Amino acid sequence: MPSLEQIWKGVVDEEKKSLTTSLLRCALTPASQIFALFVALRGWGYSSGLRKISRLDLPVVSIGNLAVGGTGKTPFTICLARDLASLRVAILSRGYRCDLEREAAPRLVGRGGATLFPPSYMGDEPTLMTHHLPAALSIVGPDRVAGGRLAIQEGAQLILLDDGMQHRRLYRDIEVVLINRGDVQGGRALPRGSLREPLTALRRADYLVSADMGGESDAIQKSLSRYTSAGLIGTALQPTQVKGQLALSLDELKGKKVALFCGIASPQRFVSQAVSLGAHPVVKLVLPDHKLAPLHPNHPFIKEAVARGAELLLCTEKDWVKYDSKIDLGLPLAYLEVEMAVTSGKSAYSELLARCFALSN
């Protein structure tokens, strides 16, 4: 049982943390206000016609979000592209934190399910989408208008604009916005909060997609009704199996001692999935989004995993694609495969698909 001194020290430490957090929030408030003003002026520029919006001779579906971080854009893009597989779909990505992001001209980086460049050059998310979408083209580059023109040259019938909500220079026929609970419940603009645009930007949305609202979807949709009448599509990320240097069913993962690592925007989601499947994490390594862990047998994380009796190293597929599948770390390296499924708002999703097919004819 803790002593009175220990209890008092804990109370003081918590008060210090709370005070530090409050002071930091106050300090960041002016910066958030300036950022929000800049975003509003930029948006007004596009809405008023002062900033040029380029329109392509090809339908464009933007898939984006309001907040920084992971809301499931990549899994939803894969889900939508699979259901549009009878069309020649081109996915335009910026290639965040990859070599191509620094080049002026976009490149075709994947077709037929095969990548044409390594992940470090074309990006981990385009690599992942290419592997899952053999019927689609993958084009990467910061200039999405030029990327769209390249898609036309390659014979595409429809463009999916990955992370496209804030890329307003390219006209889109359909705006799909992924949201999470934090966006809706008191979200603030960067840098104090996580929002890249205010909630009023939802007026541009044709469809809202969420993976984390569950039974709250009706209440949250009602709270958003002041901004948008867009239909809400509920989704869920569902683990399917363990793949990589060994293959396991989800039942076979139960009871396994695992060393977890990831470099994604929402690491807790991955950890929670592994735990919910019965895995026993003995050590964890969490990296910034898109970051590659320079793993080798003598890496402290690997050594600790071995010392704690881990039976395998488990990561996300987004992490897995950045490694040589034959890498030898002393423990088998595997990833948890997940798929996004539509769980509610199925009529809205069917309408989205129908509009995509109609625009492409």
Protein backbone atom coordinates (compact mmCIF):
# COMPACT_ATOMS: atom_id res chain seq x y z
CA MET A 1 0.00 0.00 0.00
CA PRO A 2 1.49 3.40 -0.96
CA SER A 3 2.51 5.74 1.85
CA LEU A 4 0.90 9.16 2.39
CA GLU A 5 4.09 10.73 1.03
CA GLN A 6 3.84 8.69 -2.18
CA ILE A 7 0.16 9.54 -2.58
CA TRP A 8 0.86 13.25 -2.06
CA LYS A 9 3.74 13.15 -4.57
CA GLY A 10 1.43 11.52 -7.12
CA VAL A 11 -1.17 14.25 -6.63
CA VAL A 12 1.46 16.98 -7.03
CA ASP A 13 2.86 15.35 -10.19
CA GLU A 14 -0.61 15.14 -11.73
CA GLU A 15 -1.26 18.80 -10.89
CA LYS A 16 2.04 19.76 -12.51
CA LYS A 17 1.14 17.81 -15.65
CA SER A 18 -2.30 19.41 -15.75
CA LEU A 19 -0.82 22.90 -15.33
CA THR A 20 1.80 22.27 -18.03
CA THR A 21 -0.89 21.02 -20.41
CA SER A 22 -3.09 24.05 -19.73
CA LEU A 23 -0.21 26.48 -20.27
CA LEU A 24 0.75 24.73 -23.51
CA ARG A 25 -2.83 24.91 -24.77
CA CYS A 26 -3.01 28.62 -23.98
CA ALA A 27 0.30 29.22 -25.75
CA LEU A 28 -0.88 27.37 -28.87
CA THR A 29 -4.28 29.05 -29.08
CA PRO A 30 -3.05 32.14 -31.01
CA ALA A 31 -1.20 29.91 -33.47
CA SER A 32 -4.38 27.87 -34.00
CA GLN A 33 -6.36 31.03 -34.65
CA ILE A 34 -3.80 32.22 -37.21
CA PHE A 35 -3.84 28.81 -38.89
CA ALA A 36 -7.65 28.81 -39.01
CA LEU A 37 -7.61 32.29 -40.57
CA PHE A 38 -5.11 31.18 -43.22
CA VAL A 39 -7.24 28.12 -44.03
CA ALA A 40 -10.36 30.26 -44.30
CA LEU A 41 -8.67 32.73 -46.65
CA ARG A 42 -7.31 29.90 -48.78
CA GLY A 43 -10.74 28.29 -48.98
CA TRP A 44 -12.33 31.61 -49.90
CA GLY A 45 -9.79 32.00 -52.68
CA TYR A 46 -10.93 28.74 -54.28
CA SER A 47 -14.63 29.38 -53.68
CA SER A 48 -14.45 32.90 -55.15
CA GLY A 49 -12.48 31.86 -58.22
CA LEU A 50 -9.34 33.81 -57.30
CA ARG A 51 -7.48 30.50 -57.10
CA LYS A 52 -7.69 28.27 -60.15
CA ILE A 53 -9.35 24.88 -59.93
CA SER A 54 -8.35 22.53 -62.74
CA ARG A 55 -10.94 20.13 -64.13
CA LEU A 56 -9.93 16.94 -65.92
CA ASP A 57 -11.76 15.02 -68.64
CA LEU A 58 -12.14 12.21 -66.14
CA PRO A 59 -14.31 11.85 -62.99
CA VAL A 60 -12.48 12.41 -59.71
CA VAL A 61 -13.48 11.04 -56.31
CA SER A 62 -11.63 12.66 -53.41
CA ILE A 63 -11.05 10.59 -50.26
CA GLY A 64 -9.77 12.75 -47.44
CA ASN A 65 -10.29 13.90 -43.88
CA LEU A 66 -10.40 16.96 -41.65
CA ALA A 67 -7.78 15.88 -39.16
CA VAL A 68 -4.16 14.88 -39.31
CA GLY A 69 -3.48 11.29 -38.43
CA GLY A 70 -5.13 8.02 -39.25
CA THR A 71 -8.84 7.82 -39.96
CA GLY A 72 -8.71 4.84 -42.30
CA LYS A 73 -8.23 6.56 -45.66
CA THR A 74 -6.00 3.84 -47.10
CA PRO A 75 -8.22 0.89 -46.08
CA PHE A 76 -11.31 2.71 -47.36
CA THR A 77 -9.60 3.55 -50.65
CA ILE A 78 -8.75 -0.14 -51.07
CA CYS A 79 -12.32 -1.13 -50.18
CA LEU A 80 -13.83 1.33 -52.68
CA ALA A 81 -11.36 0.50 -55.47
CA ARG A 82 -12.07 -3.22 -55.07
CA ASP A 83 -15.79 -2.61 -55.49
CA LEU A 84 -15.00 -0.56 -58.61
CA ALA A 85 -12.64 -3.19 -60.04
CA SER A 86 -14.62 -3.46 -63.29
CA LEU A 87 -13.43 0.09 -64.02
CA ARG A 88 -9.84 1.11 -64.76
CA VAL A 89 -9.23 3.09 -61.59
CA ALA A 90 -6.17 5.28 -61.00
CA ILE A 91 -5.21 6.19 -57.45
CA LEU A 92 -3.38 9.50 -57.09
CA SER A 93 -1.24 9.77 -53.95
CA ARG A 94 1.12 12.44 -52.74
CA GLY A 95 3.59 9.84 -51.44
CA TYR A 96 4.04 11.38 -48.02
CA ARG A 97 7.64 11.21 -46.74
CA CYS A 98 8.97 9.35 -49.76
CA ASP A 99 11.54 10.38 -52.38
CA LEU A 100 8.90 11.04 -55.05
CA GLU A 101 7.30 13.70 -52.86
CA ARG A 102 10.28 15.92 -53.65
CA GLU A 103 10.06 15.49 -57.42
CA ALA A 104 8.07 17.82 -59.66
CA ALA A 105 6.69 15.27 -62.11
CA PRO A 106 4.39 12.45 -60.97
CA ARG A 107 5.17 8.84 -61.85
CA LEU A 108 3.24 5.69 -62.51
CA VAL A 109 4.52 3.49 -59.68
CA GLY A 110 2.25 0.46 -59.75
CA ARG A 111 0.09 -1.58 -62.09
CA GLY A 112 -1.25 -5.11 -62.19
CA GLY A 113 -0.58 -5.52 -58.49
CA ALA A 114 3.17 -5.01 -59.01
CA THR A 115 5.19 -2.06 -57.72
CA LEU A 116 7.66 -0.44 -60.10
CA PHE A 117 9.83 1.17 -57.39
CA PRO A 118 10.86 0.44 -53.79
CA PRO A 119 8.67 1.77 -50.93
CA SER A 120 11.28 4.37 -49.94
CA TYR A 121 10.86 5.98 -53.37
CA MET A 122 7.12 5.62 -53.95
CA GLY A 123 5.78 5.56 -50.36
CA ASP A 124 4.47 2.85 -48.05
CA GLU A 125 0.75 3.52 -48.59
CA PRO A 126 0.94 3.48 -52.44
CA THR A 127 2.95 0.25 -52.12
CA LEU A 128 0.29 -1.27 -49.89
CA MET A 129 -2.57 -0.21 -52.18
CA THR A 130 -0.79 -1.53 -55.27
CA HIS A 131 -0.37 -4.96 -53.69
CA HIS A 132 -4.08 -5.14 -52.88
CA LEU A 133 -5.44 -3.71 -56.14
CA PRO A 134 -4.21 -5.58 -59.23
CA ALA A 135 -6.86 -3.91 -61.40
CA ALA A 136 -5.81 -0.36 -60.46
CA LEU A 137 -3.06 2.06 -61.46
CA SER A 138 -1.05 3.83 -58.78
CA ILE A 139 0.40 7.29 -59.49
CA VAL A 140 2.46 9.26 -56.98
CA GLY A 141 3.52 12.91 -56.95
CA PRO A 142 2.71 16.19 -55.19
CA ASP A 143 1.18 17.72 -58.35
CA ARG A 144 -2.18 15.96 -58.47
CA VAL A 145 -3.34 17.81 -61.59
CA ALA A 146 -0.32 16.49 -63.50
CA GLY A 147 -0.95 13.10 -61.94
CA GLY A 148 -4.50 13.16 -63.25
CA ARG A 149 -3.28 13.95 -66.74
CA LEU A 150 -0.90 11.01 -66.51
CA ALA A 151 -3.83 8.82 -65.44
CA ILE A 152 -5.71 9.87 -68.60
CA GLN A 153 -2.67 8.94 -70.71
CA GLU A 154 -2.63 5.52 -69.04
CA GLY A 155 -6.27 4.89 -69.96
CA ALA A 156 -7.92 5.36 -66.57
CA GLN A 157 -11.70 5.71 -66.37
CA LEU A 158 -11.92 7.06 -62.81
CA ILE A 159 -9.54 8.77 -60.40
CA LEU A 160 -9.47 8.20 -56.65
CA LEU A 161 -7.69 11.16 -55.07
CA ASP A 162 -6.05 9.81 -51.93
CA ASP A 163 -5.91 12.33 -49.05
CA GLY A 164 -7.48 14.88 -51.35
CA MET A 165 -9.78 17.04 -49.25
CA GLN A 166 -7.32 19.91 -48.84
CA HIS A 167 -5.94 19.57 -52.38
CA ARG A 168 -8.56 21.85 -53.87
CA ARG A 169 -6.58 22.74 -56.99
CA LEU A 170 -8.03 19.61 -58.61
CA TYR A 171 -11.79 19.58 -59.18
CA ARG A 172 -13.59 16.59 -57.74
CA ASP A 173 -16.98 15.23 -58.69
CA ILE A 174 -17.51 13.46 -55.37
CA GLU A 175 -16.08 14.40 -51.97
CA VAL A 176 -15.75 11.57 -49.43
CA VAL A 177 -14.65 12.67 -45.96
CA LEU A 178 -13.48 10.30 -43.24
CA ILE A 179 -14.19 11.47 -39.72
CA ASN A 180 -13.55 10.21 -36.22
CA ARG A 181 -15.05 10.91 -32.84
CA GLY A 182 -12.35 13.44 -31.98
CA ASP A 183 -13.15 15.54 -35.05
CA VAL A 184 -16.72 15.94 -33.92
CA GLN A 185 -16.35 16.30 -30.17
CA GLY A 186 -14.53 19.58 -29.56
CA GLY A 187 -11.91 19.33 -32.29
CA ARG A 188 -9.60 22.34 -32.63
CA ALA A 189 -7.41 23.62 -35.44
CA LEU A 190 -3.71 22.89 -35.67
CA PRO A 191 -1.39 23.21 -33.82
CA ARG A 192 -3.48 23.17 -30.60
CA GLY A 193 -5.76 20.50 -32.03
CA SER A 194 -5.66 18.10 -34.95
CA LEU A 195 -8.01 19.72 -37.47
CA ARG A 196 -6.64 20.86 -40.82
CA GLU A 197 -9.96 22.56 -41.56
CA PRO A 198 -12.92 23.58 -39.37
CA LEU A 199 -16.08 21.49 -39.18
CA THR A 200 -17.76 23.94 -41.56
CA ALA A 201 -15.65 22.36 -44.32
CA LEU A 202 -17.98 19.37 -44.10
CA ARG A 203 -20.40 21.40 -46.23
CA ARG A 204 -18.34 20.23 -49.20
CA ALA A 205 -18.81 16.55 -48.32
CA ASP A 206 -21.03 14.23 -50.33
CA TYR A 207 -20.41 11.26 -48.02
CA LEU A 208 -19.01 10.85 -44.52
CA VAL A 209 -17.19 7.68 -43.52
CA SER A 210 -16.36 6.65 -39.98
CA ALA A 211 -14.71 3.57 -38.52
CA ASP A 212 -15.14 4.31 -34.82
CA MET A 213 -18.62 5.58 -34.03
CA GLY A 214 -20.47 2.33 -33.45
CA GLY A 215 -23.83 2.86 -31.76
CA GLU A 216 -23.20 6.60 -31.58
CA SER A 217 -23.56 7.10 -35.34
CA ASP A 218 -27.13 8.46 -35.19
CA ALA A 219 -26.29 10.98 -32.46
CA ILE A 220 -23.11 12.14 -34.19
CA GLN A 221 -24.81 12.43 -37.56
CA LYS A 222 -27.46 14.59 -35.90
CA SER A 223 -24.76 16.81 -34.36
CA LEU A 224 -23.20 17.25 -37.81
CA SER A 225 -26.50 18.12 -39.49
CA ARG A 226 -25.78 21.85 -39.04
CA TYR A 227 -22.81 21.44 -41.40
CA THR A 228 -23.83 18.77 -43.88
CA SER A 229 -26.62 16.50 -45.01
CA ALA A 230 -24.13 13.96 -46.37
CA GLY A 231 -24.94 10.32 -45.75
CA LEU A 232 -22.90 8.56 -43.06
CA ILE A 233 -21.19 5.28 -43.97
CA GLY A 234 -20.08 3.23 -40.99
CA THR A 235 -17.08 0.95 -41.42
CA ALA A 236 -14.96 -1.41 -39.36
CA LEU A 237 -11.39 -2.64 -39.73
CA GLN A 238 -11.59 -6.40 -39.42
CA PRO A 239 -8.47 -8.56 -38.91
CA THR A 240 -8.43 -11.54 -41.28
CA GLN A 241 -5.19 -13.47 -40.65
CA VAL A 242 -1.49 -13.25 -39.82
CA LYS A 243 0.85 -13.34 -42.82
CA GLY A 244 4.51 -12.75 -43.56
CA GLN A 245 7.33 -15.09 -42.65
CA LEU A 246 4.74 -17.36 -41.08
CA ALA A 247 1.01 -17.76 -41.59
CA LEU A 248 -1.43 -18.05 -38.72
CA SER A 249 -5.17 -18.03 -38.44
CA LEU A 250 -6.62 -15.58 -35.94
CA ASP A 251 -7.34 -18.49 -33.60
CA GLU A 252 -3.71 -19.56 -33.78
CA LEU A 253 -2.62 -16.09 -32.63
CA LYS A 254 -4.37 -16.60 -29.30
CA GLY A 255 -1.93 -17.07 -26.46
CA LYS A 256 1.12 -16.19 -28.55
CA LYS A 257 3.78 -14.00 -26.95
CA VAL A 258 4.39 -11.24 -29.49
CA ALA A 259 6.67 -8.24 -29.88
CA LEU A 260 4.61 -5.47 -31.45
CA PHE A 261 5.97 -2.60 -33.51
CA CYS A 262 4.45 -0.08 -35.88
CA GLY A 263 4.96 3.30 -37.53
CA ILE A 264 1.38 4.40 -38.12
CA ALA A 265 -0.78 7.35 -37.13
CA SER A 266 -3.04 5.35 -34.77
CA PRO A 267 -0.78 2.80 -33.03
CA GLN A 268 -3.23 2.13 -30.21
CA ARG A 269 -5.74 0.73 -32.70
CA PHE A 270 -3.19 -1.87 -33.81
CA VAL A 271 -2.21 -2.76 -30.25
CA SER A 272 -5.88 -3.09 -29.26
CA GLN A 273 -6.58 -5.35 -32.23
CA ALA A 274 -3.71 -7.68 -31.32
CA VAL A 275 -4.78 -7.86 -27.68
CA SER A 276 -8.43 -8.42 -28.59
CA LEU A 277 -7.36 -11.41 -30.69
CA GLY A 278 -5.70 -12.99 -27.66
CA ALA A 279 -2.07 -12.13 -28.39
CA HIS A 280 0.15 -11.33 -25.40
CA PRO A 281 2.44 -8.34 -26.13
CA VAL A 282 5.69 -8.68 -24.18
CA VAL A 283 7.33 -5.57 -25.65
CA LYS A 284 6.22 -2.73 -27.94
CA LEU A 285 8.00 -0.29 -30.24
CA VAL A 286 5.94 2.66 -31.49
CA LEU A 287 7.42 4.90 -34.18
CA PRO A 288 6.17 8.08 -35.90
CA ASP A 289 3.84 7.59 -38.85
CA HIS A 290 5.64 6.26 -41.98
CA LYS A 291 8.87 5.76 -40.02
CA LEU A 292 10.98 2.71 -40.80
CA ALA A 293 12.49 0.90 -37.82
CA PRO A 294 16.11 -0.05 -38.71
CA LEU A 295 15.71 -3.51 -37.24
CA HIS A 296 18.55 -6.03 -36.99
CA PRO A 297 19.24 -8.97 -34.63
CA ASN A 298 21.19 -6.75 -32.21
CA HIS A 299 18.62 -3.94 -32.12
CA PRO A 300 17.55 -3.29 -28.48
CA PHE A 301 13.91 -4.00 -29.36
CA ILE A 302 14.77 -7.39 -30.89
CA LYS A 303 17.07 -8.33 -28.01
CA GLU A 304 14.39 -7.46 -25.47
CA ALA A 305 11.79 -9.42 -27.47
CA VAL A 306 14.01 -12.51 -27.37
CA ALA A 307 14.76 -12.04 -23.67
CA ARG A 308 11.04 -11.81 -22.86
CA GLY A 309 10.23 -14.97 -24.77
CA ALA A 310 8.46 -13.50 -27.79
CA GLU A 311 7.44 -16.08 -30.38
CA LEU A 312 7.13 -13.65 -33.26
CA LEU A 313 7.49 -10.01 -34.27
CA LEU A 314 4.12 -8.57 -35.30
CA CYS A 315 3.56 -5.34 -37.21
CA THR A 316 0.97 -3.79 -39.54
CA GLU A 317 0.97 -4.47 -43.26
CA LYS A 318 1.92 -0.84 -43.85
CA ASP A 319 5.11 -1.55 -41.88
CA TRP A 320 5.69 -4.96 -43.46
CA VAL A 321 5.87 -3.64 -47.03
CA LYS A 322 8.95 -1.59 -46.13
CA TYR A 323 11.05 -4.66 -45.26
CA ASP A 324 12.69 -7.34 -47.34
CA SER A 325 10.43 -10.36 -46.86
CA LYS A 326 13.56 -12.52 -46.33
CA ILE A 327 15.02 -10.37 -43.54
CA ASP A 328 16.43 -12.49 -40.69
CA LEU A 329 15.84 -10.95 -37.27
CA GLY A 330 16.12 -14.13 -35.22
CA LEU A 331 12.34 -14.22 -34.79
CA PRO A 332 9.72 -14.64 -37.53
CA LEU A 333 8.43 -11.31 -38.80
CA ALA A 334 4.71 -11.20 -39.57
CA TYR A 335 1.91 -8.71 -40.02
CA LEU A 336 -1.74 -8.57 -39.07
CA GLU A 337 -3.82 -8.34 -42.22
CA VAL A 338 -6.98 -6.25 -41.91
CA GLU A 339 -9.80 -5.40 -44.27
CA MET A 340 -12.33 -2.60 -44.09
CA ALA A 341 -15.97 -3.61 -44.25
CA VAL A 342 -19.07 -1.43 -44.52
CA THR A 343 -21.14 -2.06 -41.40
CA SER A 344 -23.84 0.62 -41.59
CA GLY A 345 -25.09 3.19 -44.06
CA LYS A 346 -25.00 0.52 -46.77
CA SER A 347 -27.57 2.39 -48.89
CA ALA A 348 -25.29 5.46 -48.88
CA TYR A 349 -22.33 3.29 -49.89
CA SER A 350 -24.34 1.67 -52.70
CA GLU A 351 -25.29 5.14 -53.89
CA LEU A 352 -21.61 6.16 -53.87
CA LEU A 353 -20.72 3.15 -56.02
CA ALA A 354 -23.60 3.83 -58.41
CA ARG A 355 -22.51 7.44 -58.86
CA CYS A 356 -18.93 6.34 -59.59
CA PHE A 357 -20.09 3.92 -62.28
CA ALA A 358 -22.46 6.50 -63.78
CA LEU A 359 -19.75 9.18 -63.95
CA SER A 360 -17.39 6.75 -65.69
CA ASN A 361 -19.82 5.86 -68.52
